[in-house]
Amino acid sequence: MATTATPSSLEVNNARFNAEAEAWDGNKKHVESCEKAYEAIKRYVPSFADGSAKDLDVLEIGCGTGLLSFMLAPHVRSLVGVDTADGMIAAFNTKVAGLPNPDKANLAAVNVLVQEPDDVHIQGAAAALATRRGESGHDGPYRFDLIVSHLTLHHIPSLPDIFATLLKCLRPGGHIALTDYEDFGPDAVPFHPKEKREGVERHGIKKDEVETIIDGTGFNEVQIERAFTLRKEVEAEDGKPAREMDFPFLICLAQKSR
């Protein structure tokens, strides 16, 4: 008898985001949330305050179409974006191709699930960006000074695994700055409409839980802060009418030992 396997959360997420990629940037709330994440990163990451951000090589996980990436890129040395949805990566790279001098762009995106710091796709993108800026003869695998993400952690099945991988992707002294909405109880569930909840691993992130995981991974200077709120309309559900709600967002900060 023929059987049909249940799609994994990764497959569900990829199908959803591939379908939404073309219209993604046209959603005002997508843009607004990335703008707020960008401002939070600039506010909390020391390199943006002391003027040294221009020397940063950045990795963004769950980069999507590059909304956050293109905000950060003018302020850093390089940015490699990664995403598992090939439709999102295609949209990202279309935007790169549309730049005045795409062959000199300091950002690139690859379609990959981040599991190993030496992944050939990530290493290839980092090497290509290094070549564009005139570097040659790099010694050893590429590592990053800063890793960012926005609205990605709630899709990841194992937070301990991803933080362990991110630690390996960083240079000594490197930082993470990851933003996602906070799990503040049942009222956090409507952040996603019902038809988009399949593939969501958790309805936001919990401050104490994430702090414990990051600290246990081996990071230093772990700090979880409420960085901003996003007001968005949620659908009618469980006897409650459609309405606007304020969703708090956390920024997860930590540093790899030098």
C-alpha atoms as a PDB file:
ATOM      1  CA  MET A   1       0.000   0.000   0.000  1.00  0.00           C
ATOM      2  CA  ALA A   2       1.387   3.406  -0.958  1.00  0.00           C
ATOM      3  CA  THR A   3       2.072   5.820   1.853  1.00  0.00           C
ATOM      4  CA  THR A   4       2.730   9.538   1.908  1.00  0.00           C
ATOM      5  CA  ALA A   5       5.344  10.854   4.301  1.00  0.00           C
ATOM      6  CA  THR A   6       4.399  13.799   6.451  1.00  0.00           C
ATOM      7  CA  PRO A   7       6.324  16.864   5.275  1.00  0.00           C
ATOM      8  CA  SER A   8       9.040  18.016   7.656  1.00  0.00           C
ATOM      9  CA  SER A   9       8.864  21.481   9.187  1.00  0.00           C
ATOM     10  CA  LEU A  10      11.722  22.471   6.870  1.00  0.00           C
ATOM     11  CA  GLU A  11       9.765  21.372   3.813  1.00  0.00           C
ATOM     12  CA  VAL A  12       6.650  23.165   5.041  1.00  0.00           C
ATOM     13  CA  ASN A  13       8.571  26.362   5.703  1.00  0.00           C
ATOM     14  CA  ASN A  14      10.355  26.250   2.352  1.00  0.00           C
ATOM     15  CA  ALA A  15       7.086  25.743   0.488  1.00  0.00           C
ATOM     16  CA  ARG A  16       5.496  28.679   2.298  1.00  0.00           C
ATOM     17  CA  PHE A  17       8.392  31.077   1.868  1.00  0.00           C
ATOM     18  CA  ASN A  18       8.981  30.118  -1.755  1.00  0.00           C
ATOM     19  CA  ALA A  19       5.338  30.931  -2.464  1.00  0.00           C
ATOM     20  CA  GLU A  20       5.605  34.282  -0.684  1.00  0.00           C
ATOM     21  CA  ALA A  21       9.050  35.347  -1.910  1.00  0.00           C
ATOM     22  CA  GLU A  22       7.984  37.454  -4.883  1.00  0.00           C
ATOM     23  CA  ALA A  23       5.580  39.606  -2.855  1.00  0.00           C
ATOM     24  CA  TRP A  24       7.556  39.540   0.414  1.00  0.00           C
ATOM     25  CA  ASP A  25       9.065  43.018   0.240  1.00  0.00           C
ATOM     26  CA  GLY A  26       5.676  44.531  -0.556  1.00  0.00           C
ATOM     27  CA  ASN A  27       4.376  43.707   2.931  1.00  0.00           C
ATOM     28  CA  LYS A  28       4.774  46.836   5.058  1.00  0.00           C
ATOM     29  CA  LYS A  29       4.997  44.846   8.291  1.00  0.00           C
ATOM     30  CA  HIS A  30       7.871  42.765   6.907  1.00  0.00           C
ATOM     31  CA  VAL A  31       9.744  45.963   6.116  1.00  0.00           C
ATOM     32  CA  GLU A  32       8.876  47.626   9.428  1.00  0.00           C
ATOM     33  CA  SER A  33       9.993  44.655  11.515  1.00  0.00           C
ATOM     34  CA  CYS A  34      13.327  44.483   9.665  1.00  0.00           C
ATOM     35  CA  GLU A  35      13.845  48.216  10.128  1.00  0.00           C
ATOM     36  CA  LYS A  36      13.309  47.791  13.859  1.00  0.00           C
ATOM     37  CA  ALA A  37      15.661  44.807  13.971  1.00  0.00           C
ATOM     38  CA  TYR A  38      18.279  46.831  12.089  1.00  0.00           C
ATOM     39  CA  GLU A  39      18.007  49.710  14.553  1.00  0.00           C
ATOM     40  CA  ALA A  40      18.262  47.286  17.480  1.00  0.00           C
ATOM     41  CA  ILE A  41      21.403  45.679  16.061  1.00  0.00           C
ATOM     42  CA  LYS A  42      23.000  49.087  15.579  1.00  0.00           C
ATOM     43  CA  ARG A  43      22.042  50.045  19.123  1.00  0.00           C
ATOM     44  CA  TYR A  44      23.283  46.903  20.881  1.00  0.00           C
ATOM     45  CA  VAL A  45      26.302  45.701  18.867  1.00  0.00           C
ATOM     46  CA  PRO A  46      29.420  47.574  20.062  1.00  0.00           C
ATOM     47  CA  SER A  47      31.031  47.867  16.615  1.00  0.00           C
ATOM     48  CA  PHE A  48      28.238  50.110  15.369  1.00  0.00           C
ATOM     49  CA  ALA A  49      28.667  52.442  18.333  1.00  0.00           C
ATOM     50  CA  ASP A  50      32.461  52.723  18.144  1.00  0.00           C
ATOM     51  CA  GLY A  51      32.702  53.089  14.366  1.00  0.00           C
ATOM     52  CA  SER A  52      34.404  49.757  13.644  1.00  0.00           C
ATOM     53  CA  ALA A  53      31.427  48.092  11.927  1.00  0.00           C
ATOM     54  CA  LYS A  54      33.026  48.836   8.548  1.00  0.00           C
ATOM     55  CA  ASP A  55      35.521  46.047   9.308  1.00  0.00           C
ATOM     56  CA  LEU A  56      32.892  43.389  10.070  1.00  0.00           C
ATOM     57  CA  ASP A  57      32.306  40.237   8.042  1.00  0.00           C
ATOM     58  CA  VAL A  58      28.688  39.294   8.750  1.00  0.00           C
ATOM     59  CA  LEU A  59      26.694  36.075   8.396  1.00  0.00           C
ATOM     60  CA  GLU A  60      22.905  36.309   8.364  1.00  0.00           C
ATOM     61  CA  ILE A  61      20.900  33.131   8.898  1.00  0.00           C
ATOM     62  CA  GLY A  62      17.369  33.090   7.520  1.00  0.00           C
ATOM     63  CA  CYS A  63      18.136  36.098   5.336  1.00  0.00           C
ATOM     64  CA  GLY A  64      15.024  35.758   3.188  1.00  0.00           C
ATOM     65  CA  THR A  65      14.881  38.315   0.385  1.00  0.00           C
ATOM     66  CA  GLY A  66      17.574  40.396   2.050  1.00  0.00           C
ATOM     67  CA  LEU A  67      15.515  43.126   3.694  1.00  0.00           C
ATOM     68  CA  LEU A  68      17.776  43.253   6.747  1.00  0.00           C
ATOM     69  CA  SER A  69      20.878  42.352   4.733  1.00  0.00           C
ATOM     70  CA  PHE A  70      20.579  45.352   2.440  1.00  0.00           C
ATOM     71  CA  MET A  71      20.141  47.664   5.442  1.00  0.00           C
ATOM     72  CA  LEU A  72      23.296  46.345   7.095  1.00  0.00           C
ATOM     73  CA  ALA A  73      25.516  45.943   4.030  1.00  0.00           C
ATOM     74  CA  PRO A  74      26.453  49.638   3.573  1.00  0.00           C
ATOM     75  CA  HIS A  75      27.856  49.699   7.110  1.00  0.00           C
ATOM     76  CA  VAL A  76      29.946  46.489   7.121  1.00  0.00           C
ATOM     77  CA  ARG A  77      32.778  44.973   5.094  1.00  0.00           C
ATOM     78  CA  SER A  78      30.866  41.946   3.812  1.00  0.00           C
ATOM     79  CA  LEU A  79      27.636  40.039   4.385  1.00  0.00           C
ATOM     80  CA  VAL A  80      26.801  36.453   3.486  1.00  0.00           C
ATOM     81  CA  GLY A  81      23.119  35.572   3.740  1.00  0.00           C
ATOM     82  CA  VAL A  82      21.862  32.002   3.998  1.00  0.00           C
ATOM     83  CA  ASP A  83      18.335  30.651   3.712  1.00  0.00           C
ATOM     84  CA  THR A  84      16.791  27.249   3.067  1.00  0.00           C
ATOM     85  CA  ALA A  85      14.082  28.628   0.743  1.00  0.00           C
ATOM     86  CA  ASP A  86      15.487  28.877  -2.767  1.00  0.00           C
ATOM     87  CA  GLY A  87      12.751  31.319  -3.789  1.00  0.00           C
ATOM     88  CA  MET A  88      13.919  33.751  -1.134  1.00  0.00           C
ATOM     89  CA  ILE A  89      17.546  33.404  -2.253  1.00  0.00           C
ATOM     90  CA  ALA A  90      16.518  34.008  -5.868  1.00  0.00           C
ATOM     91  CA  ALA A  91      14.780  37.236  -4.814  1.00  0.00           C
ATOM     92  CA  PHE A  92      17.860  38.282  -2.812  1.00  0.00           C
ATOM     93  CA  ASN A  93      20.215  37.671  -5.729  1.00  0.00           C
ATOM     94  CA  THR A  94      17.891  39.455  -8.147  1.00  0.00           C
ATOM     95  CA  LYS A  95      18.239  42.540  -5.958  1.00  0.00           C
ATOM     96  CA  VAL A  96      22.018  42.180  -5.945  1.00  0.00           C
ATOM     97  CA  ALA A  97      21.997  41.913  -9.743  1.00  0.00           C
ATOM     98  CA  GLY A  98      19.989  45.139  -9.892  1.00  0.00           C
ATOM     99  CA  LEU A  99      22.600  47.170  -8.013  1.00  0.00           C
ATOM    100  CA  PRO A 100      24.567  49.794 -10.002  1.00  0.00           C
ATOM    101  CA  ASN A 101      27.760  47.692  -9.740  1.00  0.00           C
ATOM    102  CA  PRO A 102      26.706  44.149  -8.838  1.00  0.00           C
ATOM    103  CA  ASP A 103      30.186  42.770  -9.500  1.00  0.00           C
ATOM    104  CA  LYS A 104      31.436  44.983  -6.657  1.00  0.00           C
ATOM    105  CA  ALA A 105      28.621  44.240  -4.205  1.00  0.00           C
ATOM    106  CA  ASN A 106      29.729  43.339  -0.693  1.00  0.00           C
ATOM    107  CA  LEU A 107      26.863  40.930  -0.089  1.00  0.00           C
ATOM    108  CA  ALA A 108      25.783  37.558  -1.456  1.00  0.00           C
ATOM    109  CA  ALA A 109      23.291  34.855  -0.552  1.00  0.00           C
ATOM    110  CA  VAL A 110      23.327  31.074  -0.762  1.00  0.00           C
ATOM    111  CA  ASN A 111      20.628  28.422  -0.477  1.00  0.00           C
ATOM    112  CA  VAL A 112      21.771  26.206   2.380  1.00  0.00           C
ATOM    113  CA  LEU A 113      20.812  24.912   5.820  1.00  0.00           C
ATOM    114  CA  VAL A 114      23.519  26.004   8.251  1.00  0.00           C
ATOM    115  CA  GLN A 115      24.840  22.869   9.914  1.00  0.00           C
ATOM    116  CA  GLU A 116      28.617  23.136   9.524  1.00  0.00           C
ATOM    117  CA  PRO A 117      30.866  26.222   9.660  1.00  0.00           C
ATOM    118  CA  ASP A 118      32.918  24.868   6.751  1.00  0.00           C
ATOM    119  CA  ASP A 119      29.919  24.353   4.449  1.00  0.00           C
ATOM    120  CA  VAL A 120      31.172  24.751   0.884  1.00  0.00           C
ATOM    121  CA  HIS A 121      28.391  27.158  -0.095  1.00  0.00           C
ATOM    122  CA  ILE A 122      29.083  29.526   2.800  1.00  0.00           C
ATOM    123  CA  GLN A 123      32.831  29.280   2.295  1.00  0.00           C
ATOM    124  CA  GLY A 124      32.454  29.878  -1.436  1.00  0.00           C
ATOM    125  CA  ALA A 125      30.348  32.997  -0.928  1.00  0.00           C
ATOM    126  CA  ALA A 126      32.759  34.392   1.661  1.00  0.00           C
ATOM    127  CA  ALA A 127      35.716  33.695  -0.633  1.00  0.00           C
ATOM    128  CA  ALA A 128      33.998  35.387  -3.582  1.00  0.00           C
ATOM    129  CA  LEU A 129      33.331  38.518  -1.528  1.00  0.00           C
ATOM    130  CA  ALA A 130      36.944  38.529  -0.323  1.00  0.00           C
ATOM    131  CA  THR A 131      38.135  38.339  -3.931  1.00  0.00           C
ATOM    132  CA  ARG A 132      35.901  41.270  -4.861  1.00  0.00           C
ATOM    133  CA  ARG A 133      37.596  43.435  -2.265  1.00  0.00           C
ATOM    134  CA  GLY A 134      41.041  42.425  -3.488  1.00  0.00           C
ATOM    135  CA  GLU A 135      42.026  39.759  -0.988  1.00  0.00           C
ATOM    136  CA  SER A 136      43.901  36.645  -2.033  1.00  0.00           C
ATOM    137  CA  GLY A 137      45.596  33.699  -0.400  1.00  0.00           C
ATOM    138  CA  HIS A 138      43.244  33.419   2.563  1.00  0.00           C
ATOM    139  CA  ASP A 139      44.666  31.079   5.186  1.00  0.00           C
ATOM    140  CA  GLY A 140      42.123  28.594   6.516  1.00  0.00           C
ATOM    141  CA  PRO A 141      38.305  28.582   6.436  1.00  0.00           C
ATOM    142  CA  TYR A 142      36.369  31.828   6.602  1.00  0.00           C
ATOM    143  CA  ARG A 143      34.831  32.851   9.894  1.00  0.00           C
ATOM    144  CA  PHE A 144      32.632  35.819  10.792  1.00  0.00           C
ATOM    145  CA  ASP A 145      32.757  38.766  13.171  1.00  0.00           C
ATOM    146  CA  LEU A 146      28.991  39.059  13.582  1.00  0.00           C
ATOM    147  CA  ILE A 147      26.067  36.708  13.041  1.00  0.00           C
ATOM    148  CA  VAL A 148      22.572  38.171  12.804  1.00  0.00           C
ATOM    149  CA  SER A 149      19.079  36.847  12.220  1.00  0.00           C
ATOM    150  CA  HIS A 150      15.539  38.158  12.397  1.00  0.00           C
ATOM    151  CA  LEU A 151      12.398  36.070  12.935  1.00  0.00           C
ATOM    152  CA  THR A 152      14.355  32.867  12.346  1.00  0.00           C
ATOM    153  CA  LEU A 153      14.831  31.230  15.749  1.00  0.00           C
ATOM    154  CA  HIS A 154      11.154  30.323  16.118  1.00  0.00           C
ATOM    155  CA  HIS A 155      11.455  28.136  13.002  1.00  0.00           C
ATOM    156  CA  ILE A 156      14.535  26.175  14.137  1.00  0.00           C
ATOM    157  CA  PRO A 157      13.845  22.739  15.687  1.00  0.00           C
ATOM    158  CA  SER A 158      16.916  22.580  17.952  1.00  0.00           C
ATOM    159  CA  LEU A 159      18.130  25.823  19.485  1.00  0.00           C
ATOM    160  CA  PRO A 160      21.104  24.156  21.245  1.00  0.00           C
ATOM    161  CA  ASP A 161      22.292  22.764  17.901  1.00  0.00           C
ATOM    162  CA  ILE A 162      22.065  26.061  16.024  1.00  0.00           C
ATOM    163  CA  PHE A 163      23.826  28.035  18.751  1.00  0.00           C
ATOM    164  CA  ALA A 164      26.627  25.446  18.834  1.00  0.00           C
ATOM    165  CA  THR A 165      27.011  25.829  15.076  1.00  0.00           C
ATOM    166  CA  LEU A 166      26.968  29.623  15.234  1.00  0.00           C
ATOM    167  CA  LEU A 167      29.709  29.581  17.855  1.00  0.00           C
ATOM    168  CA  LYS A 168      31.904  27.613  15.436  1.00  0.00           C
ATOM    169  CA  CYS A 169      31.140  30.070  12.612  1.00  0.00           C
ATOM    170  CA  LEU A 170      32.494  33.031  14.585  1.00  0.00           C
ATOM    171  CA  ARG A 171      36.009  34.372  14.834  1.00  0.00           C
ATOM    172  CA  PRO A 172      37.407  34.723  18.357  1.00  0.00           C
ATOM    173  CA  GLY A 173      35.738  37.761  19.905  1.00  0.00           C
ATOM    174  CA  GLY A 174      32.855  37.632  17.411  1.00  0.00           C
ATOM    175  CA  HIS A 175      29.264  38.446  18.365  1.00  0.00           C
ATOM    176  CA  ILE A 176      25.736  37.232  17.715  1.00  0.00           C
ATOM    177  CA  ALA A 177      22.733  39.567  17.561  1.00  0.00           C
ATOM    178  CA  LEU A 178      19.527  37.636  16.876  1.00  0.00           C
ATOM    179  CA  THR A 179      16.028  39.108  17.056  1.00  0.00           C
ATOM    180  CA  ASP A 180      12.716  37.285  17.322  1.00  0.00           C
ATOM    181  CA  TYR A 181       9.346  37.838  18.901  1.00  0.00           C
ATOM    182  CA  GLU A 182       8.893  36.878  22.530  1.00  0.00           C
ATOM    183  CA  ASP A 183       6.806  33.970  23.774  1.00  0.00           C
ATOM    184  CA  PHE A 184       4.742  35.761  26.413  1.00  0.00           C
ATOM    185  CA  GLY A 185       2.143  33.024  26.731  1.00  0.00           C
ATOM    186  CA  PRO A 186      -0.968  32.016  24.767  1.00  0.00           C
ATOM    187  CA  ASP A 187      -1.453  35.555  23.472  1.00  0.00           C
ATOM    188  CA  ALA A 188       1.763  35.172  21.438  1.00  0.00           C
ATOM    189  CA  VAL A 189       0.215  32.420  19.298  1.00  0.00           C
ATOM    190  CA  PRO A 190      -1.800  34.757  17.010  1.00  0.00           C
ATOM    191  CA  PHE A 191       1.437  36.307  15.699  1.00  0.00           C
ATOM    192  CA  HIS A 192       0.981  33.825  12.865  1.00  0.00           C
ATOM    193  CA  PRO A 193      -2.457  33.307  11.320  1.00  0.00           C
ATOM    194  CA  LYS A 194      -3.732  29.740  11.597  1.00  0.00           C
ATOM    195  CA  GLU A 195      -2.836  28.803   8.030  1.00  0.00           C
ATOM    196  CA  LYS A 196       0.819  29.715   8.631  1.00  0.00           C
ATOM    197  CA  ARG A 197       1.404  27.917  11.943  1.00  0.00           C
ATOM    198  CA  GLU A 198       2.460  24.611  10.424  1.00  0.00           C
ATOM    199  CA  GLY A 199       6.245  24.607  10.402  1.00  0.00           C
ATOM    200  CA  VAL A 200       6.475  27.008  13.339  1.00  0.00           C
ATOM    201  CA  GLU A 201       8.526  25.248  16.018  1.00  0.00           C
ATOM    202  CA  ARG A 202       7.649  27.647  18.844  1.00  0.00           C
ATOM    203  CA  HIS A 203       5.428  30.692  19.246  1.00  0.00           C
ATOM    204  CA  GLY A 204       8.253  33.092  19.948  1.00  0.00           C
ATOM    205  CA  ILE A 205      11.287  32.661  22.168  1.00  0.00           C
ATOM    206  CA  LYS A 206      11.516  32.715  25.954  1.00  0.00           C
ATOM    207  CA  LYS A 207      14.140  34.952  27.547  1.00  0.00           C
ATOM    208  CA  ASP A 208      15.244  32.613  30.342  1.00  0.00           C
ATOM    209  CA  GLU A 209      15.256  29.528  28.132  1.00  0.00           C
ATOM    210  CA  VAL A 210      17.324  31.091  25.354  1.00  0.00           C
ATOM    211  CA  GLU A 211      19.700  32.708  27.825  1.00  0.00           C
ATOM    212  CA  THR A 212      20.367  29.329  29.445  1.00  0.00           C
ATOM    213  CA  ILE A 213      20.935  27.651  26.071  1.00  0.00           C
ATOM    214  CA  ILE A 214      23.349  30.306  24.810  1.00  0.00           C
ATOM    215  CA  ASP A 215      25.271  30.348  28.068  1.00  0.00           C
ATOM    216  CA  GLY A 216      25.506  26.559  28.051  1.00  0.00           C
ATOM    217  CA  THR A 217      26.855  26.573  24.511  1.00  0.00           C
ATOM    218  CA  GLY A 218      30.010  28.394  25.605  1.00  0.00           C
ATOM    219  CA  PHE A 219      29.304  32.001  24.695  1.00  0.00           C
ATOM    220  CA  ASN A 220      30.354  34.868  26.961  1.00  0.00           C
ATOM    221  CA  GLU A 221      28.615  38.143  27.782  1.00  0.00           C
ATOM    222  CA  VAL A 222      25.156  36.662  27.207  1.00  0.00           C
ATOM    223  CA  GLN A 223      22.449  39.319  27.215  1.00  0.00           C
ATOM    224  CA  ILE A 224      18.776  39.021  26.244  1.00  0.00           C
ATOM    225  CA  GLU A 225      16.854  42.287  26.047  1.00  0.00           C
ATOM    226  CA  ARG A 226      13.437  43.473  24.974  1.00  0.00           C
ATOM    227  CA  ALA A 227      14.514  45.556  22.009  1.00  0.00           C
ATOM    228  CA  PHE A 228      11.280  46.762  20.398  1.00  0.00           C
ATOM    229  CA  THR A 229       7.614  46.032  19.820  1.00  0.00           C
ATOM    230  CA  LEU A 230       5.737  45.467  16.591  1.00  0.00           C
ATOM    231  CA  ARG A 231       2.055  46.271  16.302  1.00  0.00           C
ATOM    232  CA  LYS A 232       0.242  44.084  13.815  1.00  0.00           C
ATOM    233  CA  GLU A 233      -3.295  42.985  13.083  1.00  0.00           C
ATOM    234  CA  VAL A 234      -4.267  39.467  14.123  1.00  0.00           C
ATOM    235  CA  GLU A 235      -7.199  37.481  12.837  1.00  0.00           C
ATOM    236  CA  ALA A 236     -10.403  36.686  14.709  1.00  0.00           C
ATOM    237  CA  GLU A 237      -9.992  33.478  16.709  1.00  0.00           C
ATOM    238  CA  ASP A 238     -11.487  31.649  19.702  1.00  0.00           C
ATOM    239  CA  GLY A 239     -14.271  34.177  20.133  1.00  0.00           C
ATOM    240  CA  LYS A 240     -11.924  37.160  19.969  1.00  0.00           C
ATOM    241  CA  PRO A 241     -12.400  39.660  17.131  1.00  0.00           C
ATOM    242  CA  ALA A 242      -9.744  40.664  14.632  1.00  0.00           C
ATOM    243  CA  ARG A 243      -7.659  43.305  16.330  1.00  0.00           C
ATOM    244  CA  GLU A 244      -4.266  44.950  16.579  1.00  0.00           C
ATOM    245  CA  MET A 245      -1.744  43.577  19.074  1.00  0.00           C
ATOM    246  CA  ASP A 246       1.671  44.684  20.268  1.00  0.00           C
ATOM    247  CA  PHE A 247       4.284  41.926  20.065  1.00  0.00           C
ATOM    248  CA  PRO A 248       7.518  42.395  22.046  1.00  0.00           C
ATOM    249  CA  PHE A 249      10.770  41.382  20.374  1.00  0.00           C
ATOM    250  CA  LEU A 250      13.896  40.119  22.092  1.00  0.00           C
ATOM    251  CA  ILE A 251      17.461  40.594  20.922  1.00  0.00           C
ATOM    252  CA  CYS A 252      19.841  37.775  21.861  1.00  0.00           C
ATOM    253  CA  LEU A 253      23.410  38.987  22.298  1.00  0.00           C
ATOM    254  CA  ALA A 254      26.580  37.094  23.134  1.00  0.00           C
ATOM    255  CA  GLN A 255      30.282  36.984  22.349  1.00  0.00           C
ATOM    256  CA  LYS A 256      32.715  34.195  21.540  1.00  0.00           C
ATOM    257  CA  SER A 257      35.786  34.193  23.760  1.00  0.00           C
ATOM    258  CA  ARG A 258      38.851  35.861  22.273  1.00  0.00           C
END
